[in-house]
Amino acid sequence: MINSKHGKHKNHDILNLIGYGLAKFDTRFVSAFGFKTKNSFFEYVVKIGIAETVGTVKNRQDLFDPFFDSGRKGWWQKGDAYIHRKIFIDSLFGTMDCKSFVDVVKLYLEKGADRTFKTDKSISPILKSKFKQLQITGQEAELFFMRNYETIDYFRDGTLEDARLFGDGYDFQIEVKHRFYLAEIKGLRTHYGSVRLTENEFLKAKEYQNEYALVVVCNLIDIPKFGVVFNPTENLSFQQKEIKSKQISYHTKPTAWIN
């Protein structure tokens, strides 16, 4: 079950969802799956191959327990080391009630090891879109940066402004003592790997040079760390790759939109 090269459990994402659901909803989460006790649910998770042992499932709940007002301490001694996982799941599913969240977990199971669970046909398109975000590191990395950017020396005591909607070659602007920095955020599940800059991001980095930082949030599977490179077009080696793709769009005939 463990990827020996990087230490990542192959069912990392679904185990996090299960642990989050158990910590937040407790026995209601188990009941929504049709089980009377936690232990019978734990055994089921082992039976379908999501976890090796009952302890693996319980440990995942222990990881999330300290972040909910449930009376259970869980792994309280680890402090906020793993709170980024809770924040990421909150950002996607935090407003859901127990039944809706269980539908998310069932959707994940339907796509993976257990096809005995069929999700309700009424499940919303936006919920399916949020489900897809679980496999993408970008949003998780951005949320971690937003919460922890001041731990980077250059950004300490800085004011963060979100620029992601502008699509102008950077994700955030940080103002520090009347000096402006631009930060582009990339995420990696482990501590090693390559990242990609779009042409827009690359040109913006060349324009702003030492005021442009490529921030790579590494090791998202465990305890994330920052890798920061200022003036990345000068200080890193990039290989240009041209990808040709056909973009299809559909256009209406000229139409009077107001009668």
C-alpha atoms as a PDB file:
ATOM      1  CA  MET A   1       0.000   0.000   0.000  1.00  0.00           C
ATOM      2  CA  ILE A   2       2.951   2.338   0.444  1.00  0.00           C
ATOM      3  CA  ASN A   3       4.869   3.822  -2.463  1.00  0.00           C
ATOM      4  CA  SER A   4       8.358   2.908  -1.281  1.00  0.00           C
ATOM      5  CA  LYS A   5      10.080   5.582  -3.356  1.00  0.00           C
ATOM      6  CA  HIS A   6       8.253   8.530  -1.824  1.00  0.00           C
ATOM      7  CA  GLY A   7       6.505   7.077   1.247  1.00  0.00           C
ATOM      8  CA  LYS A   8       3.072   7.956  -0.090  1.00  0.00           C
ATOM      9  CA  HIS A   9       0.184   5.625   0.617  1.00  0.00           C
ATOM     10  CA  LYS A  10      -1.423   4.792  -2.714  1.00  0.00           C
ATOM     11  CA  ASN A  11      -4.858   5.583  -1.215  1.00  0.00           C
ATOM     12  CA  HIS A  12      -3.629   8.798   0.382  1.00  0.00           C
ATOM     13  CA  ASP A  13      -6.516  10.998  -0.814  1.00  0.00           C
ATOM     14  CA  ILE A  14      -9.376   8.683   0.112  1.00  0.00           C
ATOM     15  CA  LEU A  15      -7.862   7.920   3.520  1.00  0.00           C
ATOM     16  CA  ASN A  16      -7.706  11.651   4.213  1.00  0.00           C
ATOM     17  CA  LEU A  17     -11.379  12.027   3.254  1.00  0.00           C
ATOM     18  CA  ILE A  18     -12.336   9.108   5.494  1.00  0.00           C
ATOM     19  CA  GLY A  19     -10.275  10.444   8.406  1.00  0.00           C
ATOM     20  CA  TYR A  20     -11.775  13.916   7.980  1.00  0.00           C
ATOM     21  CA  GLY A  21     -15.322  12.483   7.859  1.00  0.00           C
ATOM     22  CA  LEU A  22     -14.805  10.354  10.958  1.00  0.00           C
ATOM     23  CA  ALA A  23     -13.292  13.260  12.911  1.00  0.00           C
ATOM     24  CA  LYS A  24     -15.997  15.724  11.889  1.00  0.00           C
ATOM     25  CA  PHE A  25     -19.144  13.582  11.876  1.00  0.00           C
ATOM     26  CA  ASP A  26     -18.133  10.612  14.068  1.00  0.00           C
ATOM     27  CA  THR A  27     -20.800   7.853  14.178  1.00  0.00           C
ATOM     28  CA  ARG A  28     -23.082   9.720  11.744  1.00  0.00           C
ATOM     29  CA  PHE A  29     -20.426   9.200   9.084  1.00  0.00           C
ATOM     30  CA  VAL A  30     -20.327   5.465   9.767  1.00  0.00           C
ATOM     31  CA  SER A  31     -24.131   5.178   9.853  1.00  0.00           C
ATOM     32  CA  ALA A  32     -24.421   6.926   6.483  1.00  0.00           C
ATOM     33  CA  PHE A  33     -22.387   4.054   5.025  1.00  0.00           C
ATOM     34  CA  GLY A  34     -24.782   1.524   6.563  1.00  0.00           C
ATOM     35  CA  PHE A  35     -22.578   0.348   9.438  1.00  0.00           C
ATOM     36  CA  LYS A  36     -23.589   0.162  13.104  1.00  0.00           C
ATOM     37  CA  THR A  37     -20.122   0.503  14.634  1.00  0.00           C
ATOM     38  CA  LYS A  38     -16.881   2.234  13.782  1.00  0.00           C
ATOM     39  CA  ASN A  39     -14.978  -1.013  13.988  1.00  0.00           C
ATOM     40  CA  SER A  40     -17.215  -2.695  11.401  1.00  0.00           C
ATOM     41  CA  PHE A  41     -16.646   0.280   9.102  1.00  0.00           C
ATOM     42  CA  PHE A  42     -12.889   0.126   9.721  1.00  0.00           C
ATOM     43  CA  GLU A  43     -12.900  -3.580   8.867  1.00  0.00           C
ATOM     44  CA  TYR A  44     -14.807  -2.847   5.667  1.00  0.00           C
ATOM     45  CA  VAL A  45     -12.227  -0.258   4.599  1.00  0.00           C
ATOM     46  CA  VAL A  46      -9.542  -2.921   5.090  1.00  0.00           C
ATOM     47  CA  LYS A  47     -11.605  -5.553   3.235  1.00  0.00           C
ATOM     48  CA  ILE A  48     -11.920  -3.428   0.078  1.00  0.00           C
ATOM     49  CA  GLY A  49      -8.186  -2.713   0.058  1.00  0.00           C
ATOM     50  CA  ILE A  50      -8.147   0.968   1.023  1.00  0.00           C
ATOM     51  CA  ALA A  51      -6.071   0.293   4.165  1.00  0.00           C
ATOM     52  CA  GLU A  52      -3.872  -2.579   5.330  1.00  0.00           C
ATOM     53  CA  THR A  53      -5.151  -2.631   8.919  1.00  0.00           C
ATOM     54  CA  VAL A  54      -7.893  -1.225  11.116  1.00  0.00           C
ATOM     55  CA  GLY A  55      -5.155   0.794  12.815  1.00  0.00           C
ATOM     56  CA  THR A  56      -4.376   2.568   9.538  1.00  0.00           C
ATOM     57  CA  VAL A  57      -7.939   3.895   9.377  1.00  0.00           C
ATOM     58  CA  LYS A  58      -8.009   4.856  13.049  1.00  0.00           C
ATOM     59  CA  ASN A  59      -4.690   6.668  12.703  1.00  0.00           C
ATOM     60  CA  ARG A  60      -6.114   8.756   9.869  1.00  0.00           C
ATOM     61  CA  GLN A  61      -8.983   9.838  12.140  1.00  0.00           C
ATOM     62  CA  ASP A  62      -6.472  10.596  14.901  1.00  0.00           C
ATOM     63  CA  LEU A  63      -4.695  12.924  12.467  1.00  0.00           C
ATOM     64  CA  PHE A  64      -7.834  15.048  11.981  1.00  0.00           C
ATOM     65  CA  ASP A  65      -9.386  14.791  15.476  1.00  0.00           C
ATOM     66  CA  PRO A  66      -7.458  17.734  17.023  1.00  0.00           C
ATOM     67  CA  PHE A  67      -8.923  20.120  14.425  1.00  0.00           C
ATOM     68  CA  PHE A  68     -12.551  19.513  15.422  1.00  0.00           C
ATOM     69  CA  ASP A  69     -14.391  20.282  18.653  1.00  0.00           C
ATOM     70  CA  SER A  70     -15.351  16.663  19.268  1.00  0.00           C
ATOM     71  CA  GLY A  71     -13.746  15.997  22.633  1.00  0.00           C
ATOM     72  CA  ARG A  72     -11.289  13.558  21.058  1.00  0.00           C
ATOM     73  CA  LYS A  73      -7.641  14.600  21.229  1.00  0.00           C
ATOM     74  CA  GLY A  74      -6.217  12.393  18.483  1.00  0.00           C
ATOM     75  CA  TRP A  75      -2.644  13.295  17.606  1.00  0.00           C
ATOM     76  CA  TRP A  76      -2.767  16.539  19.597  1.00  0.00           C
ATOM     77  CA  GLN A  77       0.977  16.360  20.286  1.00  0.00           C
ATOM     78  CA  LYS A  78       1.699  17.052  16.603  1.00  0.00           C
ATOM     79  CA  GLY A  79       0.107  20.509  16.872  1.00  0.00           C
ATOM     80  CA  ASP A  80      -0.777  22.088  13.535  1.00  0.00           C
ATOM     81  CA  ALA A  81       1.689  20.001  11.518  1.00  0.00           C
ATOM     82  CA  TYR A  82      -1.094  18.452   9.437  1.00  0.00           C
ATOM     83  CA  ILE A  83      -3.711  21.193   9.511  1.00  0.00           C
ATOM     84  CA  HIS A  84      -3.048  21.968   5.825  1.00  0.00           C
ATOM     85  CA  ARG A  85      -4.888  18.744   4.966  1.00  0.00           C
ATOM     86  CA  LYS A  86      -7.945  19.848   6.931  1.00  0.00           C
ATOM     87  CA  ILE A  87      -7.872  23.330   5.378  1.00  0.00           C
ATOM     88  CA  PHE A  88      -7.672  21.887   1.870  1.00  0.00           C
ATOM     89  CA  ILE A  89     -10.626  19.546   2.399  1.00  0.00           C
ATOM     90  CA  ASP A  90     -12.524  22.383   4.112  1.00  0.00           C
ATOM     91  CA  SER A  91     -11.993  24.568   1.047  1.00  0.00           C
ATOM     92  CA  LEU A  92     -13.738  22.000  -1.131  1.00  0.00           C
ATOM     93  CA  PHE A  93     -16.277  20.338   1.147  1.00  0.00           C
ATOM     94  CA  GLY A  94     -16.306  22.212   4.469  1.00  0.00           C
ATOM     95  CA  THR A  95     -19.887  23.513   4.163  1.00  0.00           C
ATOM     96  CA  MET A  96     -21.398  20.090   3.467  1.00  0.00           C
ATOM     97  CA  ASP A  97     -23.569  18.150   5.865  1.00  0.00           C
ATOM     98  CA  CYS A  98     -22.764  14.540   6.678  1.00  0.00           C
ATOM     99  CA  LYS A  99     -24.852  12.943   3.910  1.00  0.00           C
ATOM    100  CA  SER A 100     -23.409  15.219   1.225  1.00  0.00           C
ATOM    101  CA  PHE A 101     -19.856  14.568   2.375  1.00  0.00           C
ATOM    102  CA  VAL A 102     -20.455  10.820   2.418  1.00  0.00           C
ATOM    103  CA  ASP A 103     -21.591  11.158  -1.215  1.00  0.00           C
ATOM    104  CA  VAL A 104     -18.170  12.639  -1.970  1.00  0.00           C
ATOM    105  CA  VAL A 105     -16.423   9.659  -0.370  1.00  0.00           C
ATOM    106  CA  LYS A 106     -18.702   7.242  -2.214  1.00  0.00           C
ATOM    107  CA  LEU A 107     -17.914   9.034  -5.461  1.00  0.00           C
ATOM    108  CA  TYR A 108     -14.219   8.508  -4.787  1.00  0.00           C
ATOM    109  CA  LEU A 109     -14.791   4.848  -3.953  1.00  0.00           C
ATOM    110  CA  GLU A 110     -16.869   4.376  -7.090  1.00  0.00           C
ATOM    111  CA  LYS A 111     -13.919   5.592  -9.173  1.00  0.00           C
ATOM    112  CA  GLY A 112     -11.445   3.471  -7.259  1.00  0.00           C
ATOM    113  CA  ALA A 113     -11.290   0.178  -5.418  1.00  0.00           C
ATOM    114  CA  ASP A 114     -14.919  -0.300  -4.440  1.00  0.00           C
ATOM    115  CA  ARG A 115     -17.556  -0.257  -7.155  1.00  0.00           C
ATOM    116  CA  THR A 116     -20.323  -1.612  -4.926  1.00  0.00           C
ATOM    117  CA  PHE A 117     -21.158   1.943  -3.895  1.00  0.00           C
ATOM    118  CA  LYS A 118     -23.094   3.787  -6.573  1.00  0.00           C
ATOM    119  CA  THR A 119     -23.550   7.479  -6.002  1.00  0.00           C
ATOM    120  CA  ASP A 120     -26.903   9.204  -6.146  1.00  0.00           C
ATOM    121  CA  LYS A 121     -27.659  10.314  -9.698  1.00  0.00           C
ATOM    122  CA  SER A 122     -28.635  13.714  -8.308  1.00  0.00           C
ATOM    123  CA  ILE A 123     -25.044  14.441  -7.275  1.00  0.00           C
ATOM    124  CA  SER A 124     -24.263  17.913  -8.568  1.00  0.00           C
ATOM    125  CA  PRO A 125     -21.802  18.718 -11.367  1.00  0.00           C
ATOM    126  CA  ILE A 126     -19.935  21.156  -9.105  1.00  0.00           C
ATOM    127  CA  LEU A 127     -19.431  18.393  -6.551  1.00  0.00           C
ATOM    128  CA  LYS A 128     -17.864  16.227  -9.243  1.00  0.00           C
ATOM    129  CA  SER A 129     -15.618  19.157 -10.174  1.00  0.00           C
ATOM    130  CA  LYS A 130     -14.505  19.553  -6.556  1.00  0.00           C
ATOM    131  CA  PHE A 131     -13.785  15.839  -6.454  1.00  0.00           C
ATOM    132  CA  LYS A 132     -11.389  16.253  -9.386  1.00  0.00           C
ATOM    133  CA  GLN A 133      -9.490  18.937  -7.464  1.00  0.00           C
ATOM    134  CA  LEU A 134      -8.320  16.315  -4.980  1.00  0.00           C
ATOM    135  CA  GLN A 135      -5.834  15.013  -7.553  1.00  0.00           C
ATOM    136  CA  ILE A 136      -4.488  18.467  -8.440  1.00  0.00           C
ATOM    137  CA  THR A 137      -1.727  19.942  -6.292  1.00  0.00           C
ATOM    138  CA  GLY A 138      -2.174  23.569  -7.358  1.00  0.00           C
ATOM    139  CA  GLN A 139      -5.027  24.640  -5.104  1.00  0.00           C
ATOM    140  CA  GLU A 140      -3.642  22.798  -2.090  1.00  0.00           C
ATOM    141  CA  ALA A 141      -0.264  24.495  -2.575  1.00  0.00           C
ATOM    142  CA  GLU A 142      -1.862  27.942  -2.947  1.00  0.00           C
ATOM    143  CA  LEU A 143      -3.865  27.506   0.265  1.00  0.00           C
ATOM    144  CA  PHE A 144      -0.731  26.464   2.138  1.00  0.00           C
ATOM    145  CA  PHE A 145       1.134  29.502   0.804  1.00  0.00           C
ATOM    146  CA  MET A 146      -1.664  31.881   1.796  1.00  0.00           C
ATOM    147  CA  ARG A 147      -1.571  30.576   5.352  1.00  0.00           C
ATOM    148  CA  ASN A 148       2.227  30.416   5.720  1.00  0.00           C
ATOM    149  CA  TYR A 149       3.790  32.957   3.332  1.00  0.00           C
ATOM    150  CA  GLU A 150       5.158  35.081   6.204  1.00  0.00           C
ATOM    151  CA  THR A 151       7.474  32.222   7.201  1.00  0.00           C
ATOM    152  CA  ILE A 152       9.472  33.066   4.054  1.00  0.00           C
ATOM    153  CA  ASP A 153      12.040  35.674   5.127  1.00  0.00           C
ATOM    154  CA  TYR A 154      11.494  38.040   2.192  1.00  0.00           C
ATOM    155  CA  PHE A 155       7.732  38.083   2.777  1.00  0.00           C
ATOM    156  CA  ARG A 156       7.749  38.478   6.555  1.00  0.00           C
ATOM    157  CA  ASP A 157       5.332  41.215   7.724  1.00  0.00           C
ATOM    158  CA  GLY A 158       4.134  41.557   4.138  1.00  0.00           C
ATOM    159  CA  THR A 159       0.596  42.174   2.909  1.00  0.00           C
ATOM    160  CA  LEU A 160      -0.747  39.507   0.574  1.00  0.00           C
ATOM    161  CA  GLU A 161      -3.007  40.286  -2.370  1.00  0.00           C
ATOM    162  CA  ASP A 162      -4.600  37.545  -4.443  1.00  0.00           C
ATOM    163  CA  ALA A 163      -4.031  37.951  -8.190  1.00  0.00           C
ATOM    164  CA  ARG A 164      -5.068  34.505  -9.420  1.00  0.00           C
ATOM    165  CA  LEU A 165      -8.208  35.693 -11.189  1.00  0.00           C
ATOM    166  CA  PHE A 166      -6.251  38.171 -13.317  1.00  0.00           C
ATOM    167  CA  GLY A 167      -4.264  35.470 -15.150  1.00  0.00           C
ATOM    168  CA  ASP A 168      -1.355  37.858 -15.572  1.00  0.00           C
ATOM    169  CA  GLY A 169       1.548  35.482 -14.953  1.00  0.00           C
ATOM    170  CA  TYR A 170       1.638  35.333 -11.154  1.00  0.00           C
ATOM    171  CA  ASP A 171      -0.619  34.171  -8.326  1.00  0.00           C
ATOM    172  CA  PHE A 172       0.008  36.670  -5.530  1.00  0.00           C
ATOM    173  CA  GLN A 173       1.486  40.094  -4.864  1.00  0.00           C
ATOM    174  CA  ILE A 174       3.194  40.683  -1.526  1.00  0.00           C
ATOM    175  CA  GLU A 175       3.939  44.227  -0.401  1.00  0.00           C
ATOM    176  CA  VAL A 176       6.802  44.455   2.093  1.00  0.00           C
ATOM    177  CA  LYS A 177       7.842  47.909   3.269  1.00  0.00           C
ATOM    178  CA  HIS A 178       6.663  49.571   0.032  1.00  0.00           C
ATOM    179  CA  ARG A 179       8.418  46.980  -2.102  1.00  0.00           C
ATOM    180  CA  PHE A 180       6.321  44.674  -4.278  1.00  0.00           C
ATOM    181  CA  TYR A 181       7.049  41.005  -4.910  1.00  0.00           C
ATOM    182  CA  LEU A 182       5.211  38.674  -7.252  1.00  0.00           C
ATOM    183  CA  ALA A 183       4.851  35.000  -6.359  1.00  0.00           C
ATOM    184  CA  GLU A 184       3.926  32.107  -8.618  1.00  0.00           C
ATOM    185  CA  ILE A 185       2.967  28.990  -6.648  1.00  0.00           C
ATOM    186  CA  LYS A 186       3.518  25.409  -7.749  1.00  0.00           C
ATOM    187  CA  GLY A 187       2.845  22.206  -5.809  1.00  0.00           C
ATOM    188  CA  LEU A 188       4.629  18.854  -5.588  1.00  0.00           C
ATOM    189  CA  ARG A 189       3.429  15.793  -3.722  1.00  0.00           C
ATOM    190  CA  THR A 190       7.009  14.936  -2.736  1.00  0.00           C
ATOM    191  CA  HIS A 191      10.265  16.876  -2.310  1.00  0.00           C
ATOM    192  CA  TYR A 192      11.472  16.154  -5.849  1.00  0.00           C
ATOM    193  CA  GLY A 193      10.108  16.878  -9.309  1.00  0.00           C
ATOM    194  CA  SER A 194       9.825  19.402 -12.116  1.00  0.00           C
ATOM    195  CA  VAL A 195       7.434  22.317 -12.445  1.00  0.00           C
ATOM    196  CA  ARG A 196       6.131  24.113 -15.512  1.00  0.00           C
ATOM    197  CA  LEU A 197       5.854  27.815 -16.231  1.00  0.00           C
ATOM    198  CA  THR A 198       3.460  29.007 -18.892  1.00  0.00           C
ATOM    199  CA  GLU A 199       4.789  31.467 -21.433  1.00  0.00           C
ATOM    200  CA  ASN A 200       2.920  34.244 -19.621  1.00  0.00           C
ATOM    201  CA  GLU A 201       4.506  33.288 -16.289  1.00  0.00           C
ATOM    202  CA  PHE A 202       7.956  32.965 -17.845  1.00  0.00           C
ATOM    203  CA  LEU A 203       7.769  36.416 -19.450  1.00  0.00           C
ATOM    204  CA  LYS A 204       6.510  37.981 -16.232  1.00  0.00           C
ATOM    205  CA  ALA A 205       9.419  36.410 -14.359  1.00  0.00           C
ATOM    206  CA  LYS A 206      11.885  37.867 -16.892  1.00  0.00           C
ATOM    207  CA  GLU A 207      10.258  41.288 -16.551  1.00  0.00           C
ATOM    208  CA  TYR A 208      10.325  41.456 -12.739  1.00  0.00           C
ATOM    209  CA  GLN A 209      13.518  39.437 -12.159  1.00  0.00           C
ATOM    210  CA  ASN A 210      14.474  39.676  -8.459  1.00  0.00           C
ATOM    211  CA  GLU A 211      10.972  40.802  -7.522  1.00  0.00           C
ATOM    212  CA  TYR A 212       9.479  37.595  -8.961  1.00  0.00           C
ATOM    213  CA  ALA A 213       9.568  34.416  -6.862  1.00  0.00           C
ATOM    214  CA  LEU A 214       8.802  30.887  -7.960  1.00  0.00           C
ATOM    215  CA  VAL A 215       7.502  29.237  -4.783  1.00  0.00           C
ATOM    216  CA  VAL A 216       7.301  25.437  -4.888  1.00  0.00           C
ATOM    217  CA  VAL A 217       5.316  23.885  -2.048  1.00  0.00           C
ATOM    218  CA  CYS A 218       6.981  20.482  -1.690  1.00  0.00           C
ATOM    219  CA  ASN A 219       6.001  17.333   0.190  1.00  0.00           C
ATOM    220  CA  LEU A 220       2.239  17.938   0.173  1.00  0.00           C
ATOM    221  CA  ILE A 221       1.693  14.277   1.069  1.00  0.00           C
ATOM    222  CA  ASP A 222       3.111  14.866   4.547  1.00  0.00           C
ATOM    223  CA  ILE A 223       4.400  18.113   6.072  1.00  0.00           C
ATOM    224  CA  PRO A 224       4.851  20.727   3.304  1.00  0.00           C
ATOM    225  CA  LYS A 225       7.968  22.843   2.925  1.00  0.00           C
ATOM    226  CA  PHE A 226       8.734  25.864   0.739  1.00  0.00           C
ATOM    227  CA  GLY A 227      11.309  25.895  -2.028  1.00  0.00           C
ATOM    228  CA  VAL A 228      11.763  29.521  -3.129  1.00  0.00           C
ATOM    229  CA  VAL A 229      13.726  30.782  -6.139  1.00  0.00           C
ATOM    230  CA  PHE A 230      13.837  34.485  -6.985  1.00  0.00           C
ATOM    231  CA  ASN A 231      14.526  35.519 -10.580  1.00  0.00           C
ATOM    232  CA  PRO A 232      13.823  31.930 -11.683  1.00  0.00           C
ATOM    233  CA  THR A 233      14.492  32.491 -15.404  1.00  0.00           C
ATOM    234  CA  GLU A 234      18.109  33.324 -14.521  1.00  0.00           C
ATOM    235  CA  ASN A 235      18.612  30.953 -11.604  1.00  0.00           C
ATOM    236  CA  LEU A 236      16.938  27.820 -12.975  1.00  0.00           C
ATOM    237  CA  SER A 237      17.359  25.899 -16.194  1.00  0.00           C
ATOM    238  CA  PHE A 238      14.200  25.748 -18.304  1.00  0.00           C
ATOM    239  CA  GLN A 239      13.607  23.743 -21.455  1.00  0.00           C
ATOM    240  CA  GLN A 240      11.158  25.255 -23.900  1.00  0.00           C
ATOM    241  CA  LYS A 241       8.435  22.881 -25.035  1.00  0.00           C
ATOM    242  CA  GLU A 242       5.881  23.769 -27.672  1.00  0.00           C
ATOM    243  CA  ILE A 243       2.603  21.930 -27.405  1.00  0.00           C
ATOM    244  CA  LYS A 244       0.222  22.282 -30.289  1.00  0.00           C
ATOM    245  CA  SER A 245      -3.406  21.691 -29.476  1.00  0.00           C
ATOM    246  CA  LYS A 246      -6.636  22.161 -31.356  1.00  0.00           C
ATOM    247  CA  GLN A 247      -9.071  24.418 -29.550  1.00  0.00           C
ATOM    248  CA  ILE A 248     -12.703  23.995 -30.526  1.00  0.00           C
ATOM    249  CA  SER A 249     -15.337  26.605 -29.771  1.00  0.00           C
ATOM    250  CA  TYR A 250     -18.977  26.966 -30.707  1.00  0.00           C
ATOM    251  CA  HIS A 251     -20.540  30.253 -31.813  1.00  0.00           C
ATOM    252  CA  THR A 252     -24.158  31.276 -32.131  1.00  0.00           C
ATOM    253  CA  LYS A 253     -25.603  33.075 -35.104  1.00  0.00           C
ATOM    254  CA  PRO A 254     -26.230  36.797 -34.496  1.00  0.00           C
ATOM    255  CA  THR A 255     -29.223  36.849 -32.192  1.00  0.00           C
ATOM    256  CA  ALA A 256     -31.441  39.484 -30.604  1.00  0.00           C
ATOM    257  CA  TRP A 257     -31.097  38.732 -26.887  1.00  0.00           C
ATOM    258  CA  ILE A 258     -33.808  41.089 -25.709  1.00  0.00           C
ATOM    259  CA  ASN A 259     -37.280  40.862 -27.231  1.00  0.00           C
END
